[in-house]
Amino acid sequence: MALSKKWIGHIEAWQASGLPQADYCRQQQLNAKTFAARLCEYRRVQPALPPPPAFIPVQVDTAAPTPLVLRHAGGHRLELPPGVSAAWLAELWRCLG
């Protein structure tokens, strides 16, 4: 059985929402068991995506107090002044994660 556009839309909206399945189903007034069954069908026909990398390569240059520059593969760049607290950076990382 091919999945309807309705179920594909719900599955993709759930994935983008970051919510647990049960919460999404409750919000959308969907039967959780039916949703889980449609998700199984969806995963069976969708190509598996590789998991995101757990680590990213880092180069550290301690020669001069230069700004800390974080570059994302998508082209985004965040420049932080020298001496940024490690605790602040860790909190930023948690917020962005």
PDB file of N, CA and C in Angstrom:
ATOM      1  N   MET A   1       0.845  -1.189   0.000  1.00  0.00           N
ATOM      2  CA  MET A   1       0.000   0.000   0.000  1.00  0.00           C
ATOM      3  C   MET A   1       0.884   1.244   0.000  1.00  0.00           C
ATOM      4  N   ALA A   2       0.637   2.143  -0.920  1.00  0.00           N
ATOM      5  CA  ALA A   2       1.391   3.389  -0.983  1.00  0.00           C
ATOM      6  C   ALA A   2       0.857   4.363   0.065  1.00  0.00           C
ATOM      7  N   LEU A   3       1.768   5.078   0.677  1.00  0.00           N
ATOM      8  CA  LEU A   3       1.366   6.056   1.687  1.00  0.00           C
ATOM      9  C   LEU A   3       0.701   7.259   1.023  1.00  0.00           C
ATOM     10  N   SER A   4      -0.333   7.754   1.647  1.00  0.00           N
ATOM     11  CA  SER A   4      -1.004   8.939   1.120  1.00  0.00           C
ATOM     12  C   SER A   4      -0.160  10.173   1.426  1.00  0.00           C
ATOM     13  N   LYS A   5      -0.422  11.239   0.657  1.00  0.00           N
ATOM     14  CA  LYS A   5       0.286  12.498   0.892  1.00  0.00           C
ATOM     15  C   LYS A   5       0.014  13.009   2.301  1.00  0.00           C
ATOM     16  N   LYS A   6      -1.180  12.723   2.805  1.00  0.00           N
ATOM     17  CA  LYS A   6      -1.541  13.151   4.163  1.00  0.00           C
ATOM     18  C   LYS A   6      -0.563  12.560   5.177  1.00  0.00           C
ATOM     19  N   TRP A   7      -0.311  11.235   5.082  1.00  0.00           N
ATOM     20  CA  TRP A   7       0.568  10.592   6.061  1.00  0.00           C
ATOM     21  C   TRP A   7       2.019  11.001   5.873  1.00  0.00           C
ATOM     22  N   ILE A   8       2.444  11.143   4.628  1.00  0.00           N
ATOM     23  CA  ILE A   8       3.810  11.620   4.386  1.00  0.00           C
ATOM     24  C   ILE A   8       3.972  13.013   4.978  1.00  0.00           C
ATOM     25  N   GLY A   9       2.968  13.861   4.795  1.00  0.00           N
ATOM     26  CA  GLY A   9       3.007  15.209   5.370  1.00  0.00           C
ATOM     27  C   GLY A   9       3.089  15.182   6.886  1.00  0.00           C
ATOM     28  N   HIS A  10       2.287  14.308   7.511  1.00  0.00           N
ATOM     29  CA  HIS A  10       2.326  14.200   8.972  1.00  0.00           C
ATOM     30  C   HIS A  10       3.686  13.698   9.456  1.00  0.00           C
ATOM     31  N   ILE A  11       4.232  12.707   8.779  1.00  0.00           N
ATOM     32  CA  ILE A  11       5.519  12.144   9.201  1.00  0.00           C
ATOM     33  C   ILE A  11       6.620  13.191   9.077  1.00  0.00           C
ATOM     34  N   GLU A  12       6.651  13.904   7.967  1.00  0.00           N
ATOM     35  CA  GLU A  12       7.680  14.924   7.783  1.00  0.00           C
ATOM     36  C   GLU A  12       7.485  16.097   8.749  1.00  0.00           C
ATOM     37  N   ALA A  13       6.234  16.454   9.028  1.00  0.00           N
ATOM     38  CA  ALA A  13       5.969  17.520  10.005  1.00  0.00           C
ATOM     39  C   ALA A  13       6.397  17.082  11.401  1.00  0.00           C
ATOM     40  N   TRP A  14       6.141  15.817  11.758  1.00  0.00           N
ATOM     41  CA  TRP A  14       6.572  15.295  13.064  1.00  0.00           C
ATOM     42  C   TRP A  14       8.088  15.334  13.169  1.00  0.00           C
ATOM     43  N   GLN A  15       8.794  14.880  12.108  1.00  0.00           N
ATOM     44  CA  GLN A  15      10.254  14.879  12.138  1.00  0.00           C
ATOM     45  C   GLN A  15      10.800  16.290  12.320  1.00  0.00           C
ATOM     46  N   ALA A  16      10.195  17.260  11.653  1.00  0.00           N
ATOM     47  CA  ALA A  16      10.656  18.644  11.749  1.00  0.00           C
ATOM     48  C   ALA A  16      10.305  19.272  13.090  1.00  0.00           C
ATOM     49  N   SER A  17       9.274  18.746  13.756  1.00  0.00           N
ATOM     50  CA  SER A  17       8.797  19.353  15.001  1.00  0.00           C
ATOM     51  C   SER A  17       9.720  19.114  16.189  1.00  0.00           C
ATOM     52  N   GLY A  18      10.448  17.986  16.175  1.00  0.00           N
ATOM     53  CA  GLY A  18      11.286  17.660  17.318  1.00  0.00           C
ATOM     54  C   GLY A  18      10.498  17.094  18.490  1.00  0.00           C
ATOM     55  N   LEU A  19       9.209  16.919  18.325  1.00  0.00           N
ATOM     56  CA  LEU A  19       8.359  16.390  19.397  1.00  0.00           C
ATOM     57  C   LEU A  19       8.433  14.868  19.448  1.00  0.00           C
ATOM     58  N   PRO A  20       8.216  14.284  20.621  1.00  0.00           N
ATOM     59  CA  PRO A  20       8.016  12.829  20.677  1.00  0.00           C
ATOM     60  C   PRO A  20       6.756  12.479  19.877  1.00  0.00           C
ATOM     61  N   GLN A  21       6.732  11.255  19.341  1.00  0.00           N
ATOM     62  CA  GLN A  21       5.584  10.839  18.528  1.00  0.00           C
ATOM     63  C   GLN A  21       4.268  11.005  19.260  1.00  0.00           C
ATOM     64  N   ALA A  22       4.230  10.596  20.510  1.00  0.00           N
ATOM     65  CA  ALA A  22       2.977  10.652  21.269  1.00  0.00           C
ATOM     66  C   ALA A  22       2.464  12.087  21.372  1.00  0.00           C
ATOM     67  N   ASP A  23       3.373  13.032  21.625  1.00  0.00           N
ATOM     68  CA  ASP A  23       2.958  14.439  21.737  1.00  0.00           C
ATOM     69  C   ASP A  23       2.446  14.971  20.403  1.00  0.00           C
ATOM     70  N   TYR A  24       3.162  14.637  19.317  1.00  0.00           N
ATOM     71  CA  TYR A  24       2.716  15.084  17.996  1.00  0.00           C
ATOM     72  C   TYR A  24       1.329  14.522  17.687  1.00  0.00           C
ATOM     73  N   CYS A  25       1.155  13.232  17.940  1.00  0.00           N
ATOM     74  CA  CYS A  25      -0.143  12.593  17.662  1.00  0.00           C
ATOM     75  C   CYS A  25      -1.264  13.238  18.485  1.00  0.00           C
ATOM     76  N   ARG A  26      -0.977  13.533  19.747  1.00  0.00           N
ATOM     77  CA  ARG A  26      -1.980  14.171  20.605  1.00  0.00           C
ATOM     78  C   ARG A  26      -2.347  15.550  20.044  1.00  0.00           C
ATOM     79  N   GLN A  27      -1.314  16.327  19.655  1.00  0.00           N
ATOM     80  CA  GLN A  27      -1.556  17.664  19.103  1.00  0.00           C
ATOM     81  C   GLN A  27      -2.398  17.608  17.827  1.00  0.00           C
ATOM     82  N   GLN A  28      -2.106  16.630  16.993  1.00  0.00           N
ATOM     83  CA  GLN A  28      -2.779  16.532  15.695  1.00  0.00           C
ATOM     84  C   GLN A  28      -4.032  15.651  15.728  1.00  0.00           C
ATOM     85  N   GLN A  29      -4.341  15.128  16.904  1.00  0.00           N
ATOM     86  CA  GLN A  29      -5.489  14.239  17.095  1.00  0.00           C
ATOM     87  C   GLN A  29      -5.404  13.022  16.170  1.00  0.00           C
ATOM     88  N   LEU A  30      -4.209  12.382  16.182  1.00  0.00           N
ATOM     89  CA  LEU A  30      -3.976  11.175  15.390  1.00  0.00           C
ATOM     90  C   LEU A  30      -3.888   9.974  16.314  1.00  0.00           C
ATOM     91  N   ASN A  31      -4.289   8.823  15.832  1.00  0.00           N
ATOM     92  CA  ASN A  31      -4.132   7.592  16.588  1.00  0.00           C
ATOM     93  C   ASN A  31      -2.651   7.224  16.567  1.00  0.00           C
ATOM     94  N   ALA A  32      -2.035   7.092  17.738  1.00  0.00           N
ATOM     95  CA  ALA A  32      -0.595   6.848  17.835  1.00  0.00           C
ATOM     96  C   ALA A  32      -0.190   5.528  17.195  1.00  0.00           C
ATOM     97  N   LYS A  33      -1.018   4.493  17.334  1.00  0.00           N
ATOM     98  CA  LYS A  33      -0.685   3.196  16.733  1.00  0.00           C
ATOM     99  C   LYS A  33      -0.741   3.267  15.212  1.00  0.00           C
ATOM    100  N   THR A  34      -1.717   3.980  14.694  1.00  0.00           N
ATOM    101  CA  THR A  34      -1.810   4.146  13.240  1.00  0.00           C
ATOM    102  C   THR A  34      -0.615   4.948  12.729  1.00  0.00           C
ATOM    103  N   PHE A  35      -0.262   5.994  13.471  1.00  0.00           N
ATOM    104  CA  PHE A  35       0.891   6.803  13.081  1.00  0.00           C
ATOM    105  C   PHE A  35       2.153   5.944  13.040  1.00  0.00           C
ATOM    106  N   ALA A  36       2.366   5.119  14.077  1.00  0.00           N
ATOM    107  CA  ALA A  36       3.551   4.252  14.140  1.00  0.00           C
ATOM    108  C   ALA A  36       3.575   3.272  12.966  1.00  0.00           C
ATOM    109  N   ALA A  37       2.412   2.734  12.590  1.00  0.00           N
ATOM    110  CA  ALA A  37       2.343   1.804  11.455  1.00  0.00           C
ATOM    111  C   ALA A  37       2.695   2.515  10.151  1.00  0.00           C
ATOM    112  N   ARG A  38       2.180   3.733   9.968  1.00  0.00           N
ATOM    113  CA  ARG A  38       2.481   4.495   8.748  1.00  0.00           C
ATOM    114  C   ARG A  38       3.952   4.893   8.723  1.00  0.00           C
ATOM    115  N   LEU A  39       4.520   5.179   9.889  1.00  0.00           N
ATOM    116  CA  LEU A  39       5.941   5.523   9.969  1.00  0.00           C
ATOM    117  C   LEU A  39       6.801   4.328   9.548  1.00  0.00           C
ATOM    118  N   CYS A  40       6.412   3.128   9.954  1.00  0.00           N
ATOM    119  CA  CYS A  40       7.130   1.913   9.533  1.00  0.00           C
ATOM    120  C   CYS A  40       7.094   1.768   8.015  1.00  0.00           C
ATOM    121  N   GLU A  41       5.927   1.993   7.436  1.00  0.00           N
ATOM    122  CA  GLU A  41       5.798   1.914   5.974  1.00  0.00           C
ATOM    123  C   GLU A  41       6.686   2.964   5.309  1.00  0.00           C
ATOM    124  N   TYR A  42       6.655   4.172   5.842  1.00  0.00           N
ATOM    125  CA  TYR A  42       7.443   5.288   5.301  1.00  0.00           C
ATOM    126  C   TYR A  42       8.936   4.941   5.335  1.00  0.00           C
ATOM    127  N   ARG A  43       9.395   4.428   6.455  1.00  0.00           N
ATOM    128  CA  ARG A  43      10.811   4.094   6.590  1.00  0.00           C
ATOM    129  C   ARG A  43      11.216   2.941   5.682  1.00  0.00           C
ATOM    130  N   ARG A  44      10.295   2.043   5.413  1.00  0.00           N
ATOM    131  CA  ARG A  44      10.592   0.905   4.543  1.00  0.00           C
ATOM    132  C   ARG A  44      10.852   1.358   3.109  1.00  0.00           C
ATOM    133  N   VAL A  45      10.135   2.376   2.654  1.00  0.00           N
ATOM    134  CA  VAL A  45      10.263   2.803   1.262  1.00  0.00           C
ATOM    135  C   VAL A  45      11.227   3.972   1.070  1.00  0.00           C
ATOM    136  N   GLN A  46      11.592   4.660   2.134  1.00  0.00           N
ATOM    137  CA  GLN A  46      12.520   5.780   2.030  1.00  0.00           C
ATOM    138  C   GLN A  46      13.956   5.270   2.079  1.00  0.00           C
ATOM    139  N   PRO A  47      14.857   5.831   1.269  1.00  0.00           N
ATOM    140  CA  PRO A  47      16.259   5.429   1.375  1.00  0.00           C
ATOM    141  C   PRO A  47      16.816   5.877   2.722  1.00  0.00           C
ATOM    142  N   ALA A  48      17.628   5.028   3.316  1.00  0.00           N
ATOM    143  CA  ALA A  48      18.224   5.352   4.616  1.00  0.00           C
ATOM    144  C   ALA A  48      19.274   6.444   4.437  1.00  0.00           C
ATOM    145  N   LEU A  49      19.192   7.464   5.265  1.00  0.00           N
ATOM    146  CA  LEU A  49      20.181   8.528   5.241  1.00  0.00           C
ATOM    147  C   LEU A  49      21.312   8.166   6.201  1.00  0.00           C
ATOM    148  N   PRO A  50      22.542   8.496   5.852  1.00  0.00           N
ATOM    149  CA  PRO A  50      23.639   8.195   6.774  1.00  0.00           C
ATOM    150  C   PRO A  50      23.499   9.045   8.035  1.00  0.00           C
ATOM    151  N   PRO A  51      23.918   8.513   9.172  1.00  0.00           N
ATOM    152  CA  PRO A  51      23.820   9.297  10.396  1.00  0.00           C
ATOM    153  C   PRO A  51      24.753  10.504  10.332  1.00  0.00           C
ATOM    154  N   PRO A  52      24.388  11.586  10.999  1.00  0.00           N
ATOM    155  CA  PRO A  52      25.268  12.757  10.990  1.00  0.00           C
ATOM    156  C   PRO A  52      26.574  12.427  11.704  1.00  0.00           C
ATOM    157  N   PRO A  53      27.661  13.066  11.318  1.00  0.00           N
ATOM    158  CA  PRO A  53      28.931  12.765  11.970  1.00  0.00           C
ATOM    159  C   PRO A  53      28.897  13.151  13.448  1.00  0.00           C
ATOM    160  N   ALA A  54      29.521  12.311  14.258  1.00  0.00           N
ATOM    161  CA  ALA A  54      29.546  12.567  15.698  1.00  0.00           C
ATOM    162  C   ALA A  54      30.600  13.614  16.049  1.00  0.00           C
ATOM    163  N   PHE A  55      31.662  13.674  15.264  1.00  0.00           N
ATOM    164  CA  PHE A  55      32.745  14.623  15.530  1.00  0.00           C
ATOM    165  C   PHE A  55      33.050  15.399  14.259  1.00  0.00           C
ATOM    166  N   ILE A  56      33.491  16.621  14.433  1.00  0.00           N
ATOM    167  CA  ILE A  56      33.918  17.410  13.296  1.00  0.00           C
ATOM    168  C   ILE A  56      35.382  17.791  13.505  1.00  0.00           C
ATOM    169  N   PRO A  57      36.163  17.805  12.435  1.00  0.00           N
ATOM    170  CA  PRO A  57      37.574  18.144  12.593  1.00  0.00           C
ATOM    171  C   PRO A  57      37.743  19.583  13.073  1.00  0.00           C
ATOM    172  N   VAL A  58      38.705  19.786  13.933  1.00  0.00           N
ATOM    173  CA  VAL A  58      38.978  21.108  14.503  1.00  0.00           C
ATOM    174  C   VAL A  58      40.468  21.390  14.377  1.00  0.00           C
ATOM    175  N   GLN A  59      40.798  22.600  13.979  1.00  0.00           N
ATOM    176  CA  GLN A  59      42.189  23.035  13.953  1.00  0.00           C
ATOM    177  C   GLN A  59      42.346  24.137  14.990  1.00  0.00           C
ATOM    178  N   VAL A  60      43.345  23.999  15.847  1.00  0.00           N
ATOM    179  CA  VAL A  60      43.578  24.990  16.894  1.00  0.00           C
ATOM    180  C   VAL A  60      44.898  25.688  16.618  1.00  0.00           C
ATOM    181  N   ASP A  61      44.855  27.005  16.555  1.00  0.00           N
ATOM    182  CA  ASP A  61      46.062  27.797  16.353  1.00  0.00           C
ATOM    183  C   ASP A  61      46.230  28.682  17.577  1.00  0.00           C
ATOM    184  N   THR A  62      47.263  28.428  18.363  1.00  0.00           N
ATOM    185  CA  THR A  62      47.466  29.190  19.602  1.00  0.00           C
ATOM    186  C   THR A  62      48.553  30.241  19.445  1.00  0.00           C
ATOM    187  N   ALA A  63      48.954  30.553  18.217  1.00  0.00           N
ATOM    188  CA  ALA A  63      50.051  31.492  17.994  1.00  0.00           C
ATOM    189  C   ALA A  63      49.696  32.918  18.435  1.00  0.00           C
ATOM    190  N   ALA A  64      48.497  33.363  18.194  1.00  0.00           N
ATOM    191  CA  ALA A  64      48.115  34.743  18.527  1.00  0.00           C
ATOM    192  C   ALA A  64      46.675  34.761  18.991  1.00  0.00           C
ATOM    193  N   PRO A  65      46.331  35.733  19.842  1.00  0.00           N
ATOM    194  CA  PRO A  65      44.938  35.808  20.306  1.00  0.00           C
ATOM    195  C   PRO A  65      44.023  36.318  19.194  1.00  0.00           C
ATOM    196  N   THR A  66      43.554  35.406  18.390  1.00  0.00           N
ATOM    197  CA  THR A  66      42.656  35.765  17.295  1.00  0.00           C
ATOM    198  C   THR A  66      41.240  35.328  17.660  1.00  0.00           C
ATOM    199  N   PRO A  67      40.261  35.868  16.984  1.00  0.00           N
ATOM    200  CA  PRO A  67      38.884  35.465  17.276  1.00  0.00           C
ATOM    201  C   PRO A  67      38.677  33.975  17.003  1.00  0.00           C
ATOM    202  N   LEU A  68      37.750  33.394  17.745  1.00  0.00           N
ATOM    203  CA  LEU A  68      37.347  32.013  17.512  1.00  0.00           C
ATOM    204  C   LEU A  68      36.308  32.047  16.401  1.00  0.00           C
ATOM    205  N   VAL A  69      36.560  31.302  15.322  1.00  0.00           N
ATOM    206  CA  VAL A  69      35.648  31.299  14.179  1.00  0.00           C
ATOM    207  C   VAL A  69      35.091  29.897  14.027  1.00  0.00           C
ATOM    208  N   LEU A  70      33.766  29.789  14.078  1.00  0.00           N
ATOM    209  CA  LEU A  70      33.088  28.519  13.855  1.00  0.00           C
ATOM    210  C   LEU A  70      32.462  28.582  12.472  1.00  0.00           C
ATOM    211  N   ARG A  71      32.783  27.590  11.643  1.00  0.00           N
ATOM    212  CA  ARG A  71      32.249  27.557  10.272  1.00  0.00           C
ATOM    213  C   ARG A  71      31.394  26.319  10.101  1.00  0.00           C
ATOM    214  N   HIS A  72      30.242  26.499   9.529  1.00  0.00           N
ATOM    215  CA  HIS A  72      29.317  25.403   9.247  1.00  0.00           C
ATOM    216  C   HIS A  72      29.481  25.016   7.782  1.00  0.00           C
ATOM    217  N   ALA A  73      29.285  23.736   7.486  1.00  0.00           N
ATOM    218  CA  ALA A  73      29.422  23.255   6.113  1.00  0.00           C
ATOM    219  C   ALA A  73      28.486  23.994   5.160  1.00  0.00           C
ATOM    220  N   GLY A  74      27.364  24.507   5.681  1.00  0.00           N
ATOM    221  CA  GLY A  74      26.408  25.228   4.847  1.00  0.00           C
ATOM    222  C   GLY A  74      26.825  26.649   4.531  1.00  0.00           C
ATOM    223  N   GLY A  75      28.004  27.056   5.020  1.00  0.00           N
ATOM    224  CA  GLY A  75      28.501  28.395   4.725  1.00  0.00           C
ATOM    225  C   GLY A  75      28.299  29.402   5.838  1.00  0.00           C
ATOM    226  N   HIS A  76      27.607  29.029   6.906  1.00  0.00           N
ATOM    227  CA  HIS A  76      27.411  29.954   8.019  1.00  0.00           C
ATOM    228  C   HIS A  76      28.721  30.111   8.781  1.00  0.00           C
ATOM    229  N   ARG A  77      28.920  31.284   9.373  1.00  0.00           N
ATOM    230  CA  ARG A  77      30.159  31.561  10.102  1.00  0.00           C
ATOM    231  C   ARG A  77      29.811  32.367  11.351  1.00  0.00           C
ATOM    232  N   LEU A  78      30.396  31.974  12.473  1.00  0.00           N
ATOM    233  CA  LEU A  78      30.193  32.679  13.732  1.00  0.00           C
ATOM    234  C   LEU A  78      31.565  33.021  14.272  1.00  0.00           C
ATOM    235  N   GLU A  79      31.817  34.329  14.463  1.00  0.00           N
ATOM    236  CA  GLU A  79      33.114  34.794  14.960  1.00  0.00           C
ATOM    237  C   GLU A  79      32.937  35.304  16.386  1.00  0.00           C
ATOM    238  N   LEU A  80      33.730  34.741  17.294  1.00  0.00           N
ATOM    239  CA  LEU A  80      33.655  35.105  18.704  1.00  0.00           C
ATOM    240  C   LEU A  80      34.970  35.750  19.132  1.00  0.00           C
ATOM    241  N   PRO A  81      34.914  36.731  20.015  1.00  0.00           N
ATOM    242  CA  PRO A  81      36.146  37.413  20.433  1.00  0.00           C
ATOM    243  C   PRO A  81      37.053  36.482  21.242  1.00  0.00           C
ATOM    244  N   PRO A  82      38.373  36.782  21.260  1.00  0.00           N
ATOM    245  CA  PRO A  82      39.285  35.974  22.074  1.00  0.00           C
ATOM    246  C   PRO A  82      38.873  36.037  23.538  1.00  0.00           C
ATOM    247  N   GLY A  83      39.090  34.952  24.243  1.00  0.00           N
ATOM    248  CA  GLY A  83      38.800  34.939  25.668  1.00  0.00           C
ATOM    249  C   GLY A  83      37.355  34.619  26.010  1.00  0.00           C
ATOM    250  N   VAL A  84      36.574  34.175  25.041  1.00  0.00           N
ATOM    251  CA  VAL A  84      35.192  33.793  25.340  1.00  0.00           C
ATOM    252  C   VAL A  84      35.221  32.647  26.345  1.00  0.00           C
ATOM    253  N   SER A  85      34.406  32.743  27.355  1.00  0.00           N
ATOM    254  CA  SER A  85      34.374  31.729  28.406  1.00  0.00           C
ATOM    255  C   SER A  85      33.926  30.383  27.842  1.00  0.00           C
ATOM    256  N   ALA A  86      34.588  29.315  28.288  1.00  0.00           N
ATOM    257  CA  ALA A  86      34.233  27.964  27.853  1.00  0.00           C
ATOM    258  C   ALA A  86      32.809  27.618  28.290  1.00  0.00           C
ATOM    259  N   ALA A  87      32.407  28.087  29.454  1.00  0.00           N
ATOM    260  CA  ALA A  87      31.049  27.819  29.952  1.00  0.00           C
ATOM    261  C   ALA A  87      30.009  28.484  29.041  1.00  0.00           C
ATOM    262  N   TRP A  88      30.289  29.724  28.630  1.00  0.00           N
ATOM    263  CA  TRP A  88      29.366  30.431  27.742  1.00  0.00           C
ATOM    264  C   TRP A  88      29.270  29.718  26.402  1.00  0.00           C
ATOM    265  N   LEU A  89      30.424  29.290  25.879  1.00  0.00           N
ATOM    266  CA  LEU A  89      30.447  28.589  24.605  1.00  0.00           C
ATOM    267  C   LEU A  89      29.698  27.259  24.699  1.00  0.00           C
ATOM    268  N   ALA A  90      29.858  26.549  25.823  1.00  0.00           N
ATOM    269  CA  ALA A  90      29.146  25.281  26.023  1.00  0.00           C
ATOM    270  C   ALA A  90      27.634  25.524  26.062  1.00  0.00           C
ATOM    271  N   GLU A  91      27.201  26.592  26.715  1.00  0.00           N
ATOM    272  CA  GLU A  91      25.774  26.920  26.771  1.00  0.00           C
ATOM    273  C   GLU A  91      25.239  27.266  25.379  1.00  0.00           C
ATOM    274  N   LEU A  92      26.021  28.025  24.608  1.00  0.00           N
ATOM    275  CA  LEU A  92      25.637  28.345  23.237  1.00  0.00           C
ATOM    276  C   LEU A  92      25.484  27.065  22.424  1.00  0.00           C
ATOM    277  N   TRP A  93      26.429  26.162  22.568  1.00  0.00           N
ATOM    278  CA  TRP A  93      26.410  24.893  21.839  1.00  0.00           C
ATOM    279  C   TRP A  93      25.142  24.107  22.185  1.00  0.00           C
ATOM    280  N   ARG A  94      24.796  24.075  23.505  1.00  0.00           N
ATOM    281  CA  ARG A  94      23.575  23.373  23.926  1.00  0.00           C
ATOM    282  C   ARG A  94      22.340  24.021  23.309  1.00  0.00           C
ATOM    283  N   CYS A  95      22.300  25.334  23.276  1.00  0.00           N
ATOM    284  CA  CYS A  95      21.139  26.043  22.717  1.00  0.00           C
ATOM    285  C   CYS A  95      21.001  25.800  21.216  1.00  0.00           C
ATOM    286  N   LEU A  96      22.115  25.736  20.518  1.00  0.00           N
ATOM    287  CA  LEU A  96      22.088  25.548  19.071  1.00  0.00           C
ATOM    288  C   LEU A  96      21.849  24.096  18.690  1.00  0.00           C
ATOM    289  N   GLY A  97      22.163  23.169  19.617  1.00  0.00           N
ATOM    290  CA  GLY A  97      22.023  21.733  19.324  1.00  0.00           C
ATOM    291  C   GLY A  97      20.614  21.344  19.282  1.00  0.00           C
TER     292      GLY A  97
END
